[in-house]
Protein backbone atom coordinates (compact mmCIF):
# COMPACT_ATOMS: atom_id res chain seq x y z
CA MET A 1 59.46 18.67 -18.64
CA ARG A 2 57.26 18.16 -15.37
CA LEU A 3 58.76 20.85 -13.26
CA ILE A 4 59.10 19.59 -9.12
CA ALA A 5 57.00 21.58 -6.73
CA GLY A 6 60.17 23.81 -5.69
CA GLN A 7 60.27 24.84 -9.33
CA ARG A 8 56.64 25.45 -9.71
CA LEU A 9 56.93 28.03 -6.48
CA GLN A 10 60.63 29.66 -8.07
CA LEU A 11 58.26 29.95 -11.29
CA LEU A 12 55.20 31.32 -9.30
CA VAL A 13 57.29 33.93 -7.31
CA ALA A 14 59.45 35.03 -10.90
CA LEU A 15 56.12 35.73 -12.13
CA MET A 16 54.41 37.44 -9.22
CA VAL A 17 57.39 39.96 -9.48
CA ALA A 18 56.88 40.67 -12.99
CA GLU A 19 53.67 41.50 -12.71
CA ILE A 20 54.27 43.59 -9.78
CA LEU A 21 56.66 45.51 -12.38
CA SER A 22 53.37 45.51 -14.47
CA ALA A 23 50.68 47.33 -11.82
CA PHE A 24 53.82 49.22 -10.52
CA GLU A 25 54.34 51.06 -14.04
CA LEU A 26 50.71 52.37 -13.96
CA SER A 27 49.83 52.80 -10.51
CA MET A 28 52.73 54.51 -8.95
CA LEU A 29 52.21 57.61 -11.49
CA TYR A 30 49.15 58.38 -10.18
CA ALA A 31 50.69 59.84 -6.95
CA ALA A 32 53.37 62.27 -8.66
CA LEU A 33 50.73 63.67 -11.09
CA ARG A 34 50.04 66.91 -8.81
CA PHE A 35 54.29 66.90 -8.88
CA LEU A 36 54.31 66.47 -12.71
CA ILE A 37 52.09 69.70 -12.64
CA GLU A 38 53.87 71.45 -10.61
CA ASP A 39 57.06 70.87 -12.78
CA PHE A 40 55.40 70.92 -16.08
CA GLY A 41 52.64 73.62 -15.76
CA ASP A 42 49.68 72.03 -17.84
CA PRO A 43 47.70 69.00 -16.82
CA LEU A 44 46.07 68.19 -19.97
CA ALA A 45 49.79 67.45 -21.42
CA VAL A 46 50.91 66.03 -17.98
CA GLY A 47 47.61 63.95 -18.24
CA TRP A 48 49.23 61.92 -21.41
CA ILE A 49 52.02 60.32 -19.34
CA ILE A 50 49.00 57.99 -18.05
CA THR A 51 46.85 58.15 -21.39
CA SER A 52 50.28 57.41 -23.74
CA PHE A 53 51.54 54.43 -21.19
CA LEU A 54 47.61 53.22 -21.65
CA LEU A 55 47.94 52.66 -25.09
CA ALA A 56 51.14 51.36 -25.57
CA SER A 57 50.03 48.64 -23.10
CA ALA A 58 46.85 47.99 -24.95
CA VAL A 59 49.13 47.17 -28.09
CA ALA A 60 51.53 45.44 -26.22
CA ALA A 61 49.02 42.99 -24.42
CA ALA A 62 47.57 41.87 -27.60
CA ILE A 63 50.45 41.84 -30.31
CA CYS A 64 53.58 40.80 -27.70
CA GLY A 65 50.91 38.47 -26.25
CA ARG A 66 50.90 36.48 -29.36
CA LEU A 67 54.24 36.59 -30.20
CA GLY A 68 54.91 34.92 -27.08
CA ASP A 69 52.76 32.18 -27.78
CA MET A 70 54.89 31.62 -30.91
CA PHE A 71 58.29 32.47 -30.28
CA GLY A 72 58.46 31.55 -26.46
CA ARG A 73 56.72 33.26 -23.51
CA GLN A 74 59.77 33.36 -21.36
CA ARG A 75 62.07 35.09 -23.91
CA VAL A 76 59.14 37.37 -25.19
CA LEU A 77 58.45 38.12 -21.83
CA LEU A 78 62.46 38.64 -20.98
CA ALA A 79 62.22 41.21 -24.02
CA VAL A 80 58.97 42.72 -23.16
CA ILE A 81 60.91 43.90 -19.12
CA ALA A 82 63.94 44.96 -20.52
CA VAL A 83 62.22 47.24 -23.06
CA SER A 84 60.37 48.59 -19.73
CA ILE A 85 63.13 48.88 -17.96
CA LEU A 86 64.03 51.15 -20.58
CA GLY A 87 61.02 53.75 -21.05
CA SER A 88 61.53 53.54 -16.37
CA LEU A 89 65.29 55.27 -17.43
CA ILE A 90 63.96 57.49 -20.29
CA SER A 91 61.18 59.30 -18.32
CA GLY A 92 63.34 59.04 -14.93
CA PHE A 93 66.47 60.64 -16.36
CA SER A 94 64.24 63.41 -18.31
CA THR A 95 64.09 67.00 -17.81
CA THR A 96 61.18 67.67 -20.65
CA LEU A 97 57.82 66.12 -20.89
CA GLY A 98 58.15 64.90 -23.84
CA GLY A 99 60.75 62.78 -22.73
CA VAL A 100 58.86 61.74 -20.06
CA ILE A 101 56.51 60.77 -22.00
CA ALA A 102 58.05 59.06 -24.72
CA GLY A 103 59.85 57.03 -21.83
CA ARG A 104 56.12 55.88 -20.94
CA VAL A 105 55.47 54.88 -24.12
CA ILE A 106 58.17 52.87 -24.40
CA GLN A 107 57.45 51.64 -20.37
CA GLY A 108 54.07 50.44 -22.05
CA ALA A 109 55.55 47.17 -23.71
CA ALA A 110 54.77 46.20 -19.60
CA GLY A 111 51.11 46.09 -20.57
CA ALA A 112 51.91 42.18 -22.43
CA ILE A 113 53.58 40.69 -18.92
CA PHE A 114 50.21 39.14 -17.56
CA PRO A 115 48.91 37.51 -20.87
CA LEU A 116 52.61 36.44 -21.03
CA CYS A 117 52.40 35.30 -17.43
CA LEU A 118 49.65 33.45 -17.44
CA GLY A 119 50.79 31.54 -21.24
CA LEU A 120 53.91 30.62 -18.78
CA ILE A 121 51.11 29.68 -15.64
CA ARG A 122 49.41 27.21 -18.44
CA GLU A 123 52.39 25.41 -20.15
CA ASN A 124 54.11 25.09 -16.25
CA THR A 125 51.13 23.37 -14.14
CA SER A 126 48.95 20.68 -14.43
CA ALA A 127 45.02 21.29 -15.34
CA ALA A 128 44.47 21.08 -11.17
CA GLU A 129 47.05 23.97 -10.11
CA THR A 130 46.81 26.28 -13.26
CA PRO A 131 43.62 27.60 -11.91
CA VAL A 132 44.94 28.35 -8.31
CA PHE A 133 48.09 29.96 -9.75
CA VAL A 134 46.20 32.17 -11.98
CA GLY A 135 44.11 33.36 -8.94
CA VAL A 136 47.25 34.04 -6.87
CA LEU A 137 48.59 36.10 -10.39
CA ALA A 138 45.39 37.97 -10.58
CA ALA A 139 45.46 38.84 -6.97
CA THR A 140 49.08 39.98 -7.03
CA MET A 141 48.13 42.51 -10.06
CA THR A 142 45.12 43.78 -7.98
CA VAL A 143 47.01 44.15 -4.36
CA SER A 144 50.43 45.53 -6.28
CA GLY A 145 48.44 47.98 -7.86
CA GLY A 146 46.97 49.28 -4.65
CA PHE A 147 50.39 49.19 -3.03
CA GLY A 148 52.16 50.68 -5.70
CA ALA A 149 50.01 54.04 -5.04
CA VAL A 150 50.99 54.26 -1.60
CA LEU A 151 55.04 53.32 -2.45
CA GLY A 152 54.38 56.20 -5.76
CA GLY A 153 53.48 59.05 -2.52
CA VAL A 154 56.38 57.78 -0.33
CA LEU A 155 58.62 58.43 -3.26
CA VAL A 156 57.36 61.33 -4.08
CA ASP A 157 57.08 63.10 -0.61
CA ASN A 158 60.82 62.26 0.56
CA LEU A 159 62.24 62.22 -2.88
CA SER A 160 60.79 63.43 -6.34
CA TRP A 161 59.03 61.86 -9.34
CA HIS A 162 62.03 60.77 -11.15
CA TRP A 163 62.56 58.26 -8.79
CA ILE A 164 59.07 56.53 -9.21
CA PHE A 165 60.49 55.49 -12.36
CA PHE A 166 64.27 54.66 -10.71
CA ALA A 167 61.58 52.24 -8.76
CA GLY A 168 60.13 50.77 -11.50
CA ALA A 169 63.55 50.27 -13.34
CA ALA A 170 65.03 48.33 -10.20
CA VAL A 171 62.02 45.85 -10.12
CA GLY A 172 61.95 45.49 -13.70
CA ALA A 173 65.65 44.30 -13.00
CA GLY A 174 64.92 41.84 -10.27
CA ALA A 175 61.80 40.57 -12.29
CA MET A 176 64.25 39.89 -15.36
CA VAL A 177 67.03 37.53 -13.14
CA LEU A 178 63.88 35.47 -11.38
CA VAL A 179 62.79 35.15 -14.87
CA TYR A 180 65.82 34.29 -16.60
CA CYS A 181 66.64 32.14 -13.96
CA TRP A 182 63.75 30.31 -12.65
CA VAL A 183 61.21 30.33 -15.82
CA PRO A 184 61.53 27.33 -18.22
CA ARG A 185 62.91 28.35 -21.71
CA ASN A 186 60.04 26.68 -24.22
CA PRO A 187 60.11 27.19 -27.89
CA GLY A 188 56.64 28.12 -28.49
CA SER A 189 54.36 27.03 -30.97
CA GLY A 190 56.37 28.49 -33.64
CA GLY A 191 55.99 31.23 -37.14
CA VAL A 192 53.81 29.91 -39.42
CA ARG A 193 54.75 31.00 -43.13
CA GLY A 194 52.15 33.42 -44.28
CA THR A 195 51.34 34.53 -40.96
CA ASN A 196 48.73 37.92 -41.66
CA VAL A 197 51.47 40.44 -40.59
CA LEU A 198 48.36 43.38 -41.93
CA GLY A 199 46.56 42.32 -38.76
CA GLY A 200 49.01 43.57 -36.17
CA ILE A 201 49.52 46.58 -38.36
CA LEU A 202 46.09 47.34 -38.64
CA PHE A 203 44.80 46.38 -34.53
CA ALA A 204 47.14 48.63 -33.36
CA PRO A 205 46.02 51.74 -34.52
CA ALA A 206 42.61 50.83 -34.44
CA VAL A 207 43.00 50.40 -30.28
CA ALA A 208 45.12 53.54 -30.53
CA CYS A 209 42.48 55.44 -32.08
CA LEU A 210 39.49 53.95 -29.35
CA LEU A 211 41.38 53.96 -26.36
CA LEU A 212 41.94 57.46 -27.17
CA VAL A 213 38.26 58.28 -27.27
CA THR A 214 37.74 56.80 -23.84
CA THR A 215 40.49 58.77 -22.31
CA GLU A 216 40.20 62.32 -24.05
CA SER A 217 36.39 62.93 -25.12
CA ALA A 218 35.65 64.69 -21.85
CA GLY A 219 38.09 67.08 -22.13
CA TRP A 220 37.40 67.34 -26.39
CA GLY A 221 33.78 66.92 -25.90
CA TRP A 222 31.57 64.10 -27.10
CA SER A 223 30.41 66.25 -30.01
CA SER A 224 34.15 67.45 -31.12
CA PRO A 225 35.58 67.03 -34.57
CA LEU A 226 38.37 65.19 -32.62
CA THR A 227 36.39 62.93 -30.72
CA LEU A 228 33.69 62.02 -33.85
CA GLY A 229 37.22 62.07 -35.85
CA PHE A 230 39.35 59.23 -33.98
CA LEU A 231 35.96 57.05 -33.18
CA ALA A 232 35.17 56.86 -36.87
CA ALA A 233 39.09 56.10 -37.92
CA GLY A 234 39.13 54.05 -35.10
CA LEU A 235 35.84 51.83 -35.92
CA VAL A 236 37.27 51.69 -39.55
CA LEU A 237 40.24 50.42 -38.42
CA LEU A 238 38.98 47.67 -36.46
CA VAL A 239 36.34 46.33 -39.13
CA ALA A 240 39.42 46.67 -41.89
CA TRP A 241 41.23 44.76 -38.94
CA ILE A 242 38.76 41.64 -38.43
CA ALA A 243 37.82 41.72 -41.91
CA SER A 244 41.72 40.76 -43.10
CA GLU A 245 42.28 38.54 -40.47
CA LEU A 246 38.92 36.37 -40.99
CA ARG A 247 40.26 36.54 -44.54
CA ALA A 248 44.24 35.48 -43.70
CA ARG A 249 44.57 31.45 -43.84
CA ALA A 250 47.03 32.23 -40.47
CA PRO A 251 45.90 34.93 -38.94
CA LEU A 252 47.95 36.59 -36.17
CA ILE A 253 45.09 37.16 -33.66
CA ASN A 254 42.30 34.59 -34.03
CA VAL A 255 39.19 36.35 -34.57
CA ARG A 256 37.36 32.93 -34.54
CA LEU A 257 38.20 32.45 -31.51
CA LEU A 258 36.96 35.52 -29.88
CA ALA A 259 33.80 34.58 -31.30
CA ARG A 260 33.91 30.76 -29.33
CA ARG A 261 31.41 31.19 -27.27
CA GLU A 262 32.72 30.31 -23.76
CA VAL A 263 35.47 33.13 -24.90
CA MET A 264 33.09 35.48 -25.56
CA LEU A 265 30.89 35.27 -22.68
CA VAL A 266 33.93 35.81 -20.26
CA ASN A 267 35.30 38.80 -22.19
CA LEU A 268 31.53 40.33 -22.01
CA GLY A 269 31.07 39.96 -18.24
CA GLY A 270 34.70 41.64 -18.03
CA ALA A 271 33.46 44.37 -20.10
CA VAL A 272 30.92 44.62 -18.09
CA LEU A 273 32.58 44.71 -14.62
CA GLY A 274 35.47 47.62 -16.39
CA LEU A 275 32.32 49.47 -17.33
CA SER A 276 30.47 49.29 -13.59
CA ALA A 277 31.98 47.31 -10.42
CA PHE A 278 35.29 48.74 -11.15
CA GLN A 279 34.72 51.95 -10.63
CA PHE A 280 34.59 51.74 -7.26
CA ILE A 281 37.72 53.97 -6.49
CA GLN A 282 36.23 56.94 -8.64
CA LEU A 283 32.75 56.92 -6.15
CA TRP A 284 34.41 55.98 -2.85
CA SER A 285 37.00 58.24 -2.83
CA ILE A 286 34.81 60.84 -3.81
CA LEU A 287 31.64 59.90 -1.29
CA LEU A 288 34.23 59.35 1.63
CA GLN A 289 36.24 62.61 1.14
CA GLN A 290 33.02 64.72 0.03
CA PRO A 291 32.14 67.69 2.97
CA PRO A 292 29.01 66.20 5.43
CA ALA A 293 27.86 69.64 4.84
CA THR A 294 26.83 69.27 1.05
CA GLY A 295 24.31 66.23 2.78
CA VAL A 296 26.19 63.55 1.50
CA GLY A 297 29.67 62.68 2.47
CA LEU A 298 31.89 61.44 5.13
CA GLY A 299 34.60 64.06 5.24
CA LEU A 300 37.59 61.87 5.87
CA SER A 301 41.16 62.97 4.69
CA ALA A 302 42.63 61.83 1.41
CA THR A 303 45.07 59.98 3.37
CA LEU A 304 42.42 58.37 5.52
CA ALA A 305 40.24 57.30 2.57
CA GLY A 306 42.55 55.35 0.83
CA TRP A 307 43.22 53.39 3.93
CA ILE A 308 39.61 52.58 4.34
CA MET A 309 39.70 51.48 0.29
CA LEU A 310 42.85 49.51 0.83
CA PRO A 311 41.17 46.07 2.69
CA MET A 312 38.64 46.26 -0.30
CA THR A 313 41.51 45.78 -2.11
CA LEU A 314 44.04 43.15 0.10
CA MET A 315 40.65 40.87 -0.36
CA ALA A 316 42.19 40.03 -3.64
CA LEU A 317 44.38 38.02 -1.42
CA VAL A 318 41.63 35.61 -0.05
CA GLY A 319 39.43 35.74 -3.29
CA GLY A 320 42.01 35.22 -5.96
CA PRO A 321 43.22 31.60 -4.70
CA ALA A 322 39.66 30.72 -3.57
CA ALA A 323 38.64 31.76 -7.25
CA GLY A 324 40.79 28.87 -8.21
CA TRP A 325 39.99 26.11 -5.60
CA LEU A 326 36.31 27.06 -6.33
CA ILE A 327 36.51 26.58 -9.84
CA HIS A 328 38.20 23.22 -9.38
CA ARG A 329 36.23 22.10 -7.22
CA PHE A 330 32.39 23.46 -8.23
CA GLY A 331 33.22 24.56 -12.26
CA GLY A 332 33.43 28.01 -13.10
CA ARG A 333 29.94 28.78 -13.84
CA LEU A 334 28.68 28.17 -9.92
CA THR A 335 32.08 30.31 -9.08
CA ILE A 336 31.47 33.35 -10.67
CA MET A 337 27.99 33.47 -10.10
CA GLY A 338 28.94 33.69 -6.58
CA GLY A 339 31.25 36.16 -6.99
CA ALA A 340 28.95 38.17 -9.52
CA LEU A 341 25.83 37.59 -6.74
CA THR A 342 28.11 39.25 -4.00
CA LEU A 343 28.84 41.94 -5.86
CA THR A 344 25.30 42.95 -6.66
CA LEU A 345 24.13 42.57 -3.21
CA THR A 346 27.16 44.85 -1.58
CA TRP A 347 26.28 47.51 -4.07
CA ALA A 348 22.55 47.17 -3.66
CA LEU A 349 23.27 47.55 0.15
CA ALA A 350 25.36 50.53 0.02
CA THR A 351 23.09 52.13 -2.65
CA LEU A 352 20.53 52.45 0.30
CA PHE A 353 22.74 52.58 3.48
CA ASN A 354 26.11 54.75 3.00
CA ASP A 355 26.59 57.36 5.84
CA SER A 356 28.41 55.13 8.20
CA VAL A 357 32.24 54.49 8.17
CA PRO A 358 32.60 51.14 10.08
CA TRP A 359 29.23 50.02 7.51
CA ILE A 360 31.20 50.80 4.67
CA LEU A 361 34.02 49.38 5.51
CA ALA A 362 32.19 46.34 6.17
CA ILE A 363 30.40 46.39 2.81
CA MET A 364 33.68 47.34 1.31
CA VAL A 365 35.94 44.24 2.38
CA VAL A 366 33.48 41.84 1.39
CA MET A 367 32.74 43.51 -2.32
CA GLY A 368 36.23 43.04 -2.58
CA LEU A 369 35.68 39.53 -1.88
CA GLY A 370 33.39 39.17 -4.25
CA GLN A 371 35.12 41.42 -7.04
CA ALA A 372 38.37 39.30 -6.85
CA ILE A 373 36.60 35.87 -7.07
CA TYR A 374 34.58 37.14 -10.24
CA TYR A 375 37.40 38.68 -11.67
CA SER A 376 40.00 36.23 -11.10
CA GLY A 377 37.28 33.67 -12.10
CA ILE A 378 36.68 34.45 -15.60
CA ILE A 379 40.52 35.02 -16.28
CA ILE A 380 40.98 31.36 -15.19
CA LEU A 381 37.64 30.09 -17.33
CA LEU A 382 39.40 32.32 -20.09
CA THR A 383 42.80 30.35 -19.98
CA GLN A 384 40.80 26.78 -20.00
CA ALA A 385 38.44 27.67 -22.70
CA VAL A 386 41.47 28.40 -25.59
CA PRO A 387 44.13 26.39 -26.58
CA MET A 388 47.51 26.21 -25.13
CA ALA A 389 49.06 27.75 -27.96
CA ARG A 390 46.55 31.04 -27.78
CA THR A 391 46.59 31.57 -24.16
CA SER A 392 48.49 34.71 -23.78
CA GLU A 393 47.00 35.95 -27.27
CA ALA A 394 43.68 35.39 -25.78
CA THR A 395 43.82 37.10 -22.69
CA GLY A 396 45.97 39.95 -24.21
CA MET A 397 42.93 40.79 -26.05
CA MET A 398 41.23 40.61 -22.55
CA VAL A 399 43.58 43.20 -21.19
CA VAL A 400 42.30 45.21 -24.50
CA ILE A 401 38.78 44.95 -23.70
CA ARG A 402 39.50 45.94 -19.60
CA LEU A 403 41.14 48.87 -20.82
CA THR A 404 38.48 50.13 -22.90
CA THR A 405 35.78 49.14 -21.14
CA LEU A 406 37.30 51.30 -17.79
CA GLY A 407 37.82 54.55 -19.81
CA ILE A 408 34.28 54.22 -20.96
CA GLY A 409 32.77 53.62 -17.44
CA ALA A 410 34.98 56.05 -16.15
CA GLN A 411 33.44 58.18 -17.96
CA LEU A 412 29.68 56.93 -17.69
CA VAL A 413 30.04 57.11 -13.60
CA ALA A 414 31.82 60.62 -14.00
CA THR A 415 28.77 61.93 -16.15
CA LEU A 416 26.50 59.99 -13.57
CA LEU A 417 27.98 62.09 -10.71
CA ASP A 418 27.90 65.30 -12.17
CA SER A 419 23.84 64.74 -13.31
CA SER A 420 22.87 66.52 -10.28
CA THR A 421 25.41 68.92 -7.83
CA VAL A 422 25.26 70.70 -4.60
CA THR A 423 27.67 73.90 -3.69
CA LEU A 424 28.99 74.50 0.09
CA PRO A 425 28.04 78.17 0.85
CA THR A 426 31.33 78.48 2.34
CA GLY A 427 34.37 77.27 -0.33
CA PRO A 428 34.66 76.50 -4.03
CA GLY A 429 33.74 73.83 -6.02
CA SER A 430 30.54 71.52 -6.41
CA PHE A 431 29.73 68.22 -5.00
CA PRO A 432 26.72 65.55 -6.17
CA ASP A 433 23.94 65.33 -4.43
CA ALA A 434 22.42 62.57 -3.16
CA GLY A 435 20.13 61.88 -5.81
CA ALA A 436 23.76 61.89 -8.30
CA TYR A 437 25.02 58.96 -5.82
CA LEU A 438 21.96 57.23 -6.17
CA LEU A 439 21.87 56.99 -9.76
CA ALA A 440 25.54 55.89 -10.02
CA MET A 441 25.20 53.35 -7.19
CA SER A 442 22.10 52.27 -9.16
CA TYR A 443 24.07 52.13 -12.45
CA ILE A 444 26.93 49.84 -10.81
CA THR A 445 24.40 47.89 -8.76
CA ALA A 446 22.24 47.07 -12.31
CA GLY A 447 25.86 46.45 -14.17
CA CYS A 448 26.72 43.55 -11.33
CA VAL A 449 22.71 41.81 -12.37
CA VAL A 450 23.89 42.09 -16.12
CA MET A 451 27.13 40.16 -14.69
CA LEU A 452 25.05 37.61 -12.89
CA ALA A 453 22.93 36.86 -16.09
CA ILE A 454 26.55 36.28 -18.14
CA ALA A 455 27.70 34.13 -15.84
CA ALA A 456 24.73 31.93 -15.44
CA LEU A 457 24.87 31.57 -19.53
CA LEU A 458 28.42 30.07 -18.65
CA PRO A 459 29.25 26.28 -18.72
CA GLY A 460 29.03 24.39 -15.84
CA LYS A 461 31.99 22.29 -14.09
CA LYS A 462 33.25 20.55 -17.16
CA THR A 463 35.31 23.13 -19.15
CA LEU A 464 36.89 23.22 -22.42
CA SER A 465 40.10 21.62 -23.07
CA GLY A 466 42.95 23.92 -23.88
CA ASP A 467 44.22 21.96 -26.14
CA GLU A 468 40.83 21.62 -28.51
CA PRO A 469 41.53 22.66 -31.96
CA ALA A 470 39.92 26.10 -31.94
CA GLY A 471 39.30 26.47 -35.98
CA GLN A 472 41.46 28.39 -38.26
CA GLY A 473 44.93 29.57 -37.50
CA ALA A 474 45.11 27.71 -33.70
């Protein structure tokens, strides 16, 4: 049934609120880590509050995304929101670290919200509207993540860390009402007899093992038995999963779809983004706060540094919808190349000139616009390059790739920043010196050049029809 304009607006609002929940579940917790460490005493153990959520989110994104394609995205979206609310309440009422972590694992169902929302947009909007709606949703994810950190700080400063989880449950309750009332109930493509359930069983531990390596290797050490053991287990399970899905008559997750040229290129571009330019928060946070006495750094407070970085995040409100309009008008290749070129130029300039707050603020605004256009663009292009019945599955796999590469990229940038350091004559600790910042920023700039090269290989204005068969199991 064709939705009228008012109904499409209601659909977008409901999905935006659902995506705000997804972003808040992760970003608000960062503000509470210090307080959780004070209560539970073990920084490494408290880190599992983040790690457990990331692991569960990655698995949920792909598996629940596919279930939504099969059995109805609105139905599955309501289910994952309900599970997320349950997890929030368990963590919020817990007085032990184990209880909080258990709740966070359950909260990880929220990882499926974004791919399910993208599928719902595609099935309920026209081909001309879909890119703009997807751009708005991508912008919502980025901006709400930034505001989630601010809101989390307000809650822990004035109440306690428990209220972060209660706030998440409240947002989830609102999202459930809006999704139930305003999002159409479509039946989905239906289950296929003989669907390869083994694919889901193998996929979950494979992703969990590989994500554990990316998030915990810094503490364990890259040559430690734990790191090597989980890496080996993850790779073996990943190969077994791929082999199982390729042999299956009805694969749960269509590996052949991921190998399609357009899909492979946008996922590769997203992976390089996670490895490089998406590490901006780590780098800018340190540089803005580092004492000038080290020879580099601007000596700002943590609060002021956060405000300086906020406009970069807010540019997603412009870049996300703009990417949708530009793709509809000029095609995916030119749009995504424009975003990558903007990132390349701004990071190159930042590498050469980074000793002035007004200059950094100005360049970060332009950088934020380019990043929003690029990231929203690859999401839009992915939704256009896969069959309608596989939209949430394909975008769920993009979430898995993003989470994995973000973890690896964080370790790489941290290693580069630690490659050469300087110690203050008064006060503890060491900081990256000018050479370390040059190395880290040059690495990110090189990543942007690679993103530009990948974008140049994308198809032009003519995009693949989502209704085109995708091969086995489509």
